[in-house]
Amino acid sequence: MAIPDFVVSLRSKIGTDPLWLSGVTAVITRGTEILLVQRADNLKGTPVTGIIDPGEHPAVAGAREALEEANVVVTPTKLALVAVTSPVTYENGDVTQYLDLTFHFDWVSGDPYPTDGENVQARWFELDDLPQMSQEMRGRISAALSDDPAAAFSF
């Protein structure tokens, strides 16, 4: 997985100690379809996700990640969910926990394919025929597809 330069810099100072980061999940729809990627590191299906760069607006980060990871141009329609993940320990021993901001995005253009090596697949799925994925990711998708205009909070 590509590690942002600012995280590499922080890691040079704190080692593998827990690091709090802001992340974004981009739930992208096109009509009755949703764009999902299959991650290269664990082969699990998810919406597009990524780390928000320092000073970057979260919705801009989601659109950037969609273009970088799946070659699609998107526009945000709503902030759907604010959540905190459980701590994640990576193979190298780094410990990270994320404030995740899940957005719904509408597809604008582009044919999806994995562009940056973080994913092995990027493709459209019918909303009523999603592949197996974690309950956490299903919850993010459900929040993004909800008709409720207010963001949900996961505790």
Protein backbone atom coordinates (compact mmCIF):
# COMPACT_ATOMS: atom_id res chain seq x y z
CA MET A 1 0.00 0.00 0.00
CA ALA A 2 1.24 3.47 -0.76
CA ILE A 3 2.11 5.32 2.44
CA PRO A 4 1.75 9.11 2.24
CA ASP A 5 5.01 11.03 2.73
CA PHE A 6 3.69 12.80 5.83
CA VAL A 7 3.00 9.42 7.48
CA VAL A 8 6.50 8.20 6.58
CA SER A 9 7.89 11.36 8.21
CA LEU A 10 5.81 10.84 11.35
CA ARG A 11 6.82 7.18 11.53
CA SER A 12 10.51 8.19 11.44
CA LYS A 13 9.85 10.05 14.69
CA ILE A 14 7.44 7.73 16.53
CA GLY A 15 8.31 4.32 15.16
CA THR A 16 5.44 1.85 15.26
CA ASP A 17 3.59 3.58 18.14
CA PRO A 18 -0.14 4.22 17.66
CA LEU A 19 -0.85 6.93 15.12
CA TRP A 20 -4.22 8.71 14.79
CA LEU A 21 -5.10 9.51 11.17
CA SER A 22 -8.09 10.89 9.29
CA GLY A 23 -9.44 8.69 6.54
CA VAL A 24 -12.14 8.89 3.93
CA THR A 25 -14.46 6.31 2.40
CA ALA A 26 -15.93 7.12 -1.00
CA VAL A 27 -19.18 5.27 -1.70
CA ILE A 28 -19.59 5.91 -5.42
CA THR A 29 -22.82 5.19 -7.26
CA ARG A 30 -23.94 5.28 -10.87
CA GLY A 31 -27.67 4.69 -11.10
CA THR A 32 -28.34 1.33 -9.43
CA GLU A 33 -24.65 0.40 -9.34
CA ILE A 34 -21.90 0.90 -6.80
CA LEU A 35 -18.17 0.98 -7.48
CA LEU A 36 -16.11 -1.38 -5.36
CA VAL A 37 -12.43 -2.21 -5.35
CA GLN A 38 -10.62 -5.37 -4.31
CA ARG A 39 -7.65 -4.47 -2.13
CA ALA A 40 -4.24 -5.84 -3.11
CA ASP A 41 -3.11 -6.37 0.50
CA ASN A 42 -5.95 -8.59 1.74
CA LEU A 43 -8.10 -9.18 -1.39
CA LYS A 44 -11.19 -7.84 0.40
CA GLY A 45 -13.87 -5.85 -1.40
CA THR A 46 -14.49 -2.29 -0.23
CA PRO A 47 -15.55 1.12 -1.44
CA VAL A 48 -12.62 3.37 -2.29
CA THR A 49 -10.80 4.42 0.90
CA GLY A 50 -7.76 6.51 1.72
CA ILE A 51 -5.91 8.83 4.05
CA ILE A 52 -6.71 12.53 4.07
CA ASP A 53 -3.60 14.64 3.48
CA PRO A 54 -2.79 17.45 5.96
CA GLY A 55 -4.93 20.49 5.15
CA GLU A 56 -6.96 18.62 2.52
CA HIS A 57 -10.75 18.90 2.58
CA PRO A 58 -12.19 15.41 3.23
CA ALA A 59 -14.55 15.52 0.22
CA VAL A 60 -11.64 16.54 -2.01
CA ALA A 61 -9.64 13.64 -0.56
CA GLY A 62 -12.43 11.21 -1.47
CA ALA A 63 -12.56 12.49 -5.04
CA ARG A 64 -8.74 12.33 -5.28
CA GLU A 65 -8.69 8.75 -3.99
CA ALA A 66 -11.42 7.74 -6.49
CA LEU A 67 -9.31 9.07 -9.36
CA GLU A 68 -6.02 7.67 -8.02
CA GLU A 69 -7.34 4.23 -7.11
CA ALA A 70 -10.08 3.58 -9.66
CA ASN A 71 -9.71 6.09 -12.53
CA VAL A 72 -13.12 7.69 -11.99
CA VAL A 73 -14.14 11.31 -11.61
CA VAL A 74 -16.78 11.84 -8.93
CA THR A 75 -18.66 14.61 -7.17
CA PRO A 76 -19.64 14.51 -3.47
CA THR A 77 -23.31 14.59 -2.55
CA LYS A 78 -23.24 14.18 1.23
CA LEU A 79 -21.24 13.34 4.31
CA ALA A 80 -22.93 10.13 5.41
CA LEU A 81 -21.08 8.72 8.43
CA VAL A 82 -18.53 9.76 11.04
CA ALA A 83 -16.85 6.81 12.73
CA VAL A 84 -13.72 5.69 14.52
CA THR A 85 -12.13 2.42 13.49
CA SER A 86 -10.63 -0.11 15.83
CA PRO A 87 -6.83 0.05 16.01
CA VAL A 88 -5.13 -1.58 13.03
CA THR A 89 -1.75 -3.31 13.34
CA TYR A 90 0.02 -3.71 10.01
CA GLU A 91 2.49 -6.48 9.10
CA ASN A 92 5.44 -4.16 9.81
CA GLY A 93 4.15 -3.49 13.34
CA ASP A 94 2.79 0.01 12.69
CA VAL A 95 -0.34 0.70 14.74
CA THR A 96 -2.92 3.13 13.38
CA GLN A 97 -6.45 4.16 14.23
CA TYR A 98 -8.65 6.19 11.91
CA LEU A 99 -11.32 8.82 12.14
CA ASP A 100 -13.28 7.75 9.05
CA LEU A 101 -15.52 10.14 7.16
CA THR A 102 -17.78 8.30 4.73
CA PHE A 103 -19.17 10.28 1.81
CA HIS A 104 -21.62 9.45 -0.94
CA PHE A 105 -20.29 10.42 -4.37
CA ASP A 106 -21.99 10.44 -7.75
CA TRP A 107 -19.97 9.07 -10.66
CA VAL A 108 -19.22 11.68 -13.33
CA SER A 109 -16.89 9.92 -15.79
CA GLY A 110 -14.23 7.30 -16.27
CA ASP A 111 -14.11 3.54 -16.73
CA PRO A 112 -13.00 1.96 -13.45
CA TYR A 113 -9.80 0.00 -13.23
CA PRO A 114 -7.12 -0.27 -10.53
CA THR A 115 -4.58 2.44 -11.30
CA ASP A 116 -2.11 2.71 -8.42
CA GLY A 117 -1.31 -0.83 -7.27
CA GLU A 118 -3.41 -0.57 -4.09
CA ASN A 119 -6.19 -2.64 -5.67
CA VAL A 120 -6.36 -5.62 -7.99
CA GLN A 121 -9.88 -4.89 -9.24
CA ALA A 122 -12.25 -1.94 -9.60
CA ARG A 123 -15.71 -2.53 -11.00
CA TRP A 124 -19.41 -1.79 -10.78
CA PHE A 125 -21.81 -4.01 -8.83
CA GLU A 126 -25.58 -3.87 -8.72
CA LEU A 127 -26.69 -2.54 -5.33
CA ASP A 128 -28.79 -5.65 -4.73
CA ASP A 129 -25.92 -8.04 -5.62
CA LEU A 130 -22.90 -6.98 -3.58
CA PRO A 131 -19.97 -9.32 -3.03
CA GLN A 132 -18.97 -10.57 0.40
CA MET A 133 -17.39 -7.84 2.54
CA SER A 134 -17.02 -6.83 6.17
CA GLN A 135 -19.97 -5.62 8.21
CA GLU A 136 -18.05 -2.38 8.76
CA MET A 137 -17.91 -1.72 5.01
CA ARG A 138 -21.55 -2.72 4.58
CA GLY A 139 -22.41 -0.20 7.30
CA ARG A 140 -20.53 2.55 5.48
CA ILE A 141 -22.37 1.72 2.26
CA SER A 142 -25.73 1.62 4.05
CA ALA A 143 -25.11 5.04 5.61
CA ALA A 144 -24.10 6.54 2.26
CA LEU A 145 -27.18 5.15 0.53
CA SER A 146 -29.56 6.25 3.29
CA ASP A 147 -32.14 8.89 2.45
CA ASP A 148 -31.30 10.67 5.71
CA PRO A 149 -29.61 13.97 4.75
CA ALA A 150 -27.77 14.13 8.10
CA ALA A 151 -24.56 12.26 8.79
CA ALA A 152 -24.83 9.29 11.12
CA PHE A 153 -22.42 8.77 13.99
CA SER A 154 -20.99 5.38 14.84
CA PHE A 155 -19.83 4.91 18.42
